[in-house]
Protein backbone atom coordinates (compact mmCIF):
# COMPACT_ATOMS: atom_id res chain seq x y z
CA MET A 1 10.85 -8.76 23.13
CA THR A 2 10.34 -11.57 20.74
CA THR A 3 7.14 -10.60 19.90
CA THR A 4 8.20 -6.88 19.38
CA LEU A 5 11.03 -8.30 16.66
CA THR A 6 8.70 -10.69 14.93
CA ARG A 7 6.27 -7.57 14.33
CA GLN A 8 8.75 -5.51 13.04
CA ARG A 9 10.01 -7.76 10.76
CA ARG A 10 6.75 -8.22 8.97
CA ALA A 11 6.03 -4.80 8.90
CA VAL A 12 6.40 -3.92 5.19
CA PRO A 13 8.54 -0.70 4.65
CA LEU A 14 7.20 2.18 2.57
CA THR A 15 9.82 1.34 0.13
CA ALA A 16 8.81 -2.30 0.15
CA ALA A 17 5.35 -1.05 -0.20
CA LEU A 18 5.35 1.18 -3.14
CA SER A 19 7.98 -1.62 -4.76
CA PHE A 20 4.33 -4.42 -4.61
CA GLY A 21 2.50 -1.83 -6.26
CA VAL A 22 4.80 -0.96 -8.82
CA VAL A 23 4.94 -4.49 -9.60
CA GLY A 24 1.02 -4.98 -8.97
CA ILE A 25 0.48 -2.31 -11.76
CA VAL A 26 2.89 -4.20 -14.14
CA LEU A 27 1.22 -7.17 -13.71
CA LEU A 28 -2.04 -5.49 -14.37
CA TRP A 29 -0.55 -4.09 -17.84
CA SER A 30 0.37 -7.71 -18.81
CA VAL A 31 -2.86 -9.26 -18.06
CA VAL A 32 -5.51 -6.90 -19.15
CA PRO A 33 -3.76 -4.21 -21.16
CA GLY A 34 -6.77 -2.97 -22.66
CA LEU A 35 -7.58 -1.17 -19.17
CA PHE A 36 -4.38 1.22 -19.29
CA SER A 37 -4.59 1.80 -23.10
CA GLY A 38 -7.61 2.01 -25.60
CA GLN A 39 -4.84 2.47 -28.87
CA ASN A 40 -3.80 0.10 -30.92
CA PRO A 41 -0.12 -0.86 -30.15
CA ALA A 42 0.71 -1.98 -33.90
CA ALA A 43 -1.55 0.85 -35.70
CA GLY A 44 0.07 4.23 -36.16
CA VAL A 45 -1.12 7.55 -37.78
CA PRO A 46 1.80 8.68 -39.95
CA ALA A 47 1.10 12.20 -39.43
CA ASP A 48 1.77 12.02 -35.98
CA LYS A 49 4.92 10.62 -35.59
CA PHE A 50 8.05 11.24 -33.67
CA GLN A 51 5.54 13.26 -30.94
CA ALA A 52 7.19 14.34 -27.88
CA PRO A 53 5.63 12.87 -24.32
CA SER A 54 1.89 14.69 -24.07
CA PHE A 55 -1.23 14.33 -22.07
CA ALA A 56 -2.35 12.64 -25.81
CA HIS A 57 0.38 10.50 -25.98
CA TRP A 58 2.12 9.93 -22.20
CA PHE A 59 5.46 8.37 -23.45
CA GLY A 60 4.89 10.05 -27.21
CA THR A 61 4.87 8.27 -30.58
CA ASP A 62 7.30 6.53 -32.54
CA HIS A 63 8.46 6.45 -36.50
CA LEU A 64 5.07 5.15 -37.72
CA GLY A 65 3.13 7.27 -35.45
CA ARG A 66 2.03 4.38 -33.11
CA ASP A 67 1.44 5.30 -29.35
CA LEU A 68 4.43 3.91 -27.29
CA PHE A 69 2.61 3.82 -23.71
CA ALA A 70 0.03 1.05 -25.64
CA ARG A 71 3.22 -0.36 -26.96
CA VAL A 72 4.79 -0.72 -23.75
CA VAL A 73 1.80 -1.74 -22.06
CA HIS A 74 0.96 -4.22 -24.88
CA GLY A 75 4.73 -5.54 -24.23
CA THR A 76 4.78 -6.15 -20.66
CA ALA A 77 2.70 -9.65 -21.21
CA SER A 78 5.68 -10.76 -23.45
CA SER A 79 8.33 -9.43 -21.00
CA VAL A 80 6.42 -10.35 -17.39
CA SER A 81 5.38 -14.16 -19.06
CA SER A 82 9.02 -14.51 -20.66
CA ALA A 83 10.77 -14.28 -17.31
CA LEU A 84 8.16 -16.37 -15.38
CA ILE A 85 8.70 -19.08 -17.72
CA ALA A 86 12.63 -18.46 -17.09
CA VAL A 87 12.02 -18.68 -13.28
CA GLY A 88 9.89 -21.83 -13.51
CA ILE A 89 12.46 -23.45 -15.59
CA ALA A 90 15.42 -22.73 -12.89
CA VAL A 91 13.81 -23.61 -10.48
CA LEU A 92 12.03 -26.78 -11.33
CA VAL A 93 15.03 -27.83 -12.40
CA GLY A 94 18.00 -26.23 -10.61
CA GLY A 95 15.80 -27.27 -7.27
CA LEU A 96 15.25 -30.56 -8.22
CA MET A 97 18.94 -30.86 -9.37
CA GLY A 98 20.11 -29.57 -6.09
CA LEU A 99 17.88 -31.77 -3.93
CA VAL A 100 18.69 -35.05 -5.28
CA ALA A 101 22.27 -33.93 -5.03
CA GLY A 102 21.96 -32.62 -1.22
CA PHE A 103 20.04 -35.44 -0.28
CA ALA A 104 21.42 -38.52 -2.19
CA GLY A 105 25.45 -37.90 -1.55
CA GLY A 106 27.50 -40.09 -2.55
CA TRP A 107 28.59 -40.54 -6.57
CA ALA A 108 24.66 -38.80 -7.50
CA ASP A 109 26.46 -35.31 -5.16
CA THR A 110 29.42 -35.54 -7.02
CA VAL A 111 28.13 -35.58 -11.10
CA LEU A 112 25.63 -33.09 -10.44
CA ALA A 113 28.18 -30.72 -8.19
CA ARG A 114 30.71 -31.01 -11.27
CA LEU A 115 27.52 -29.85 -13.74
CA VAL A 116 26.45 -27.30 -11.38
CA ASP A 117 30.01 -25.95 -11.72
CA VAL A 118 30.23 -26.40 -15.24
CA LEU A 119 27.01 -24.42 -15.84
CA LEU A 120 28.49 -21.69 -13.09
CA ALA A 121 31.65 -21.09 -15.35
CA ILE A 122 29.62 -19.71 -17.98
CA PRO A 123 28.70 -16.08 -17.43
CA GLU A 124 24.80 -16.25 -17.51
CA PHE A 125 23.95 -13.92 -20.60
CA LEU A 126 26.27 -15.67 -22.65
CA LEU A 127 24.82 -18.78 -22.05
CA ALA A 128 21.76 -17.57 -23.13
CA VAL A 129 23.19 -16.36 -26.03
CA ILE A 130 24.07 -20.01 -26.93
CA VAL A 131 21.05 -22.04 -26.08
CA VAL A 132 18.88 -19.40 -27.56
CA SER A 133 20.80 -19.51 -31.03
CA ALA A 134 20.30 -23.25 -30.92
CA LEU A 135 17.17 -23.39 -30.46
CA GLY A 136 15.88 -20.22 -32.69
CA PHE A 137 15.30 -16.24 -32.19
CA GLU A 138 11.60 -16.30 -29.95
CA THR A 139 11.13 -15.03 -27.28
CA THR A 140 9.82 -18.23 -25.95
CA ASN A 141 12.87 -19.28 -26.59
CA ALA A 142 14.42 -16.68 -25.03
CA ALA A 143 12.53 -17.39 -21.98
CA ILE A 144 13.69 -20.87 -22.43
CA ALA A 145 17.87 -19.93 -22.41
CA THR A 146 17.20 -17.52 -19.63
CA GLY A 147 16.04 -19.98 -17.11
CA VAL A 148 18.75 -22.91 -18.03
CA SER A 149 21.17 -20.33 -17.63
CA ALA A 150 19.88 -19.67 -13.85
CA VAL A 151 19.72 -23.73 -13.21
CA GLY A 152 23.07 -23.54 -11.76
CA VAL A 153 22.49 -20.75 -9.75
CA PHE A 154 19.40 -22.48 -7.85
CA ALA A 155 20.49 -25.94 -7.99
CA ARG A 156 23.33 -24.65 -5.63
CA VAL A 157 21.55 -23.02 -2.95
CA MET A 158 19.26 -25.83 -2.99
CA ARG A 159 21.88 -28.11 -2.33
CA SER A 160 23.26 -26.44 0.45
CA GLU A 161 20.35 -25.66 2.10
CA VAL A 162 19.04 -29.96 1.78
CA ILE A 163 22.68 -30.72 3.23
CA LYS A 164 22.08 -28.13 6.11
CA THR A 165 18.24 -29.39 7.00
CA ARG A 166 19.67 -32.95 6.59
CA ARG A 167 21.67 -32.70 9.59
CA ALA A 168 19.07 -31.42 11.59
CA VAL A 169 17.35 -32.66 14.88
CA PHE A 170 14.38 -33.11 13.85
CA VAL A 171 15.35 -34.75 10.28
CA GLU A 172 17.37 -37.73 12.20
CA ALA A 173 14.85 -37.81 14.68
CA ALA A 174 12.10 -38.56 11.50
CA HIS A 175 14.49 -41.56 10.76
CA LEU A 176 15.11 -43.24 14.24
CA GLN A 177 11.20 -43.28 14.43
CA GLY A 178 11.16 -45.42 10.81
CA GLY A 179 10.61 -42.81 8.08
CA ALA A 180 10.72 -44.01 5.25
CA GLN A 181 13.70 -41.90 2.97
CA TRP A 182 10.89 -40.40 0.70
CA HIS A 183 8.65 -39.90 3.62
CA VAL A 184 11.50 -37.51 5.20
CA LEU A 185 12.12 -35.69 1.98
CA VAL A 186 9.06 -34.77 1.11
CA ARG A 187 7.48 -33.83 5.06
CA HIS A 188 10.42 -32.32 6.48
CA VAL A 189 13.79 -31.84 4.01
CA LEU A 190 11.58 -30.21 1.15
CA PRO A 191 9.59 -27.74 2.95
CA ASN A 192 12.54 -26.40 4.94
CA ALA A 193 15.27 -26.19 2.19
CA SER A 194 12.40 -24.80 -0.24
CA ARG A 195 12.00 -21.40 1.85
CA SER A 196 15.20 -19.90 0.41
CA LEU A 197 14.43 -20.39 -2.84
CA LEU A 198 11.30 -17.77 -2.47
CA SER A 199 13.34 -14.44 -1.76
CA LEU A 200 15.83 -16.14 -4.64
CA ALA A 201 13.27 -17.01 -6.99
CA VAL A 202 11.96 -13.21 -6.84
CA LEU A 203 15.42 -11.51 -7.17
CA GLN A 204 15.88 -14.39 -10.40
CA PHE A 205 12.43 -13.14 -11.97
CA GLY A 206 13.93 -9.44 -12.18
CA TYR A 207 17.49 -10.20 -13.11
CA SER A 208 15.30 -12.46 -16.01
CA ILE A 209 13.81 -9.48 -17.51
CA LEU A 210 16.98 -7.52 -18.28
CA ILE A 211 18.20 -10.79 -19.62
CA ILE A 212 15.46 -11.28 -21.71
CA ALA A 213 15.20 -7.54 -22.41
CA GLY A 214 18.72 -7.70 -24.13
CA LEU A 215 18.52 -10.81 -26.19
CA ALA A 216 15.38 -9.15 -27.48
CA PHE A 217 17.75 -5.93 -27.64
CA LEU A 218 20.25 -7.84 -29.86
CA GLY A 219 17.74 -9.66 -31.73
CA TYR A 220 17.27 -12.62 -30.36
CA GLY A 221 13.98 -12.38 -29.98
CA ASP A 222 10.11 -12.02 -31.48
CA PRO A 223 11.11 -9.29 -35.08
CA PRO A 224 8.59 -6.41 -35.55
CA PRO A 225 5.91 -5.60 -34.84
CA ALA A 226 5.65 -6.91 -31.11
CA SER A 227 6.57 -4.70 -28.51
CA ASP A 228 8.95 -6.29 -26.17
CA TRP A 229 10.14 -3.83 -23.82
CA GLY A 230 14.46 -4.89 -25.04
CA LEU A 231 13.11 -4.45 -28.76
CA LEU A 232 11.14 -1.17 -28.15
CA ILE A 233 15.05 0.26 -27.01
CA SER A 234 16.45 -1.33 -29.55
CA VAL A 235 13.90 0.62 -32.01
CA GLY A 236 13.92 3.39 -30.62
CA LYS A 237 18.38 3.91 -30.60
CA ASP A 238 18.18 4.06 -34.09
CA TYR A 239 16.56 7.68 -33.60
CA PRO A 240 18.46 9.80 -31.33
CA LEU A 241 16.47 12.89 -31.85
CA SER A 242 13.54 11.42 -30.06
CA PRO A 243 15.40 9.93 -26.70
CA TRP A 244 11.89 9.50 -25.25
CA LEU A 245 12.18 6.13 -27.33
CA VAL A 246 14.70 4.81 -25.39
CA TYR A 247 14.09 6.47 -21.99
CA ALA A 248 10.35 5.26 -21.89
CA PRO A 249 10.93 1.68 -21.77
CA ALA A 250 13.94 1.81 -20.38
CA LEU A 251 12.67 3.73 -17.33
CA VAL A 252 9.76 1.20 -16.97
CA MET A 253 11.97 -1.60 -17.25
CA ILE A 254 14.25 -0.43 -14.47
CA THR A 255 12.05 0.34 -12.15
CA THR A 256 10.05 -3.01 -12.30
CA VAL A 257 13.56 -4.62 -11.52
CA LEU A 258 14.30 -2.36 -8.84
CA SER A 259 11.41 -2.76 -7.07
CA VAL A 260 11.64 -6.92 -7.84
CA ASN A 261 15.13 -6.78 -6.38
CA ARG A 262 12.92 -4.18 -3.00
CA ILE A 263 10.66 -6.88 -2.09
CA SER A 264 13.44 -9.67 -2.37
CA ARG A 265 15.27 -8.09 -0.29
CA TRP A 266 12.48 -7.99 2.11
CA LEU A 267 11.43 -11.28 1.83
CA ARG A 268 15.41 -12.57 3.03
CA ARG A 269 14.45 -10.00 6.06
CA THR A 270 11.34 -11.89 7.24
CA ASP A 271 12.62 -15.24 6.60
């Protein structure tokens, strides 16, 4: 019976498999965009401007005659790399804060817990806007701002997992056998407490794409001719007679985020 339940947990549902496929394609777009589009995303043909989607231009063309599909594909690298930077900052900084607070306890837990409460009290997007305004309007700074805004979430989750793991029988046994604090922390507490961060990190990756796109939409990212997904939507909204300029990048972004969320849910089930 246990073996059957384990197999059911590890089996990948069709929706999760499709989500992995979508995310895989997006990652390939970000690494080798030239394999999917041979057109220059920054060069346009004025005579071809505002062409509707067709076999020649899958997503149509923009106001300068540039192929929109090429711009979406080449803009994937910026959107994905920025989201990865944001998740990396949130995992490292937030995870370290939660690890220290949960394992050390005492005044360290009190100070870090209050700091986390302050971070969580500010809406993530608002905090990201404040940070990127202080750092400067660039996509990299938008990624840093997004990562800082998510530190509190990872710190709280890590702290709760560390406290739960610290009270486990095998951790108490390690202490009774004479294990040093650092040895118990690195060998037993950290590996077990960090397992739940994987699904959260995947979920935050999708959320970071949305936040970074929102910052780019408001003009807090790289300026044109950059082709970040949020910037493409921002430029496309000025041409309501050519709705594909908004729908195409928005559909790609929504599909990517929904796929990432589906993978996160599957990871939580198999945890």
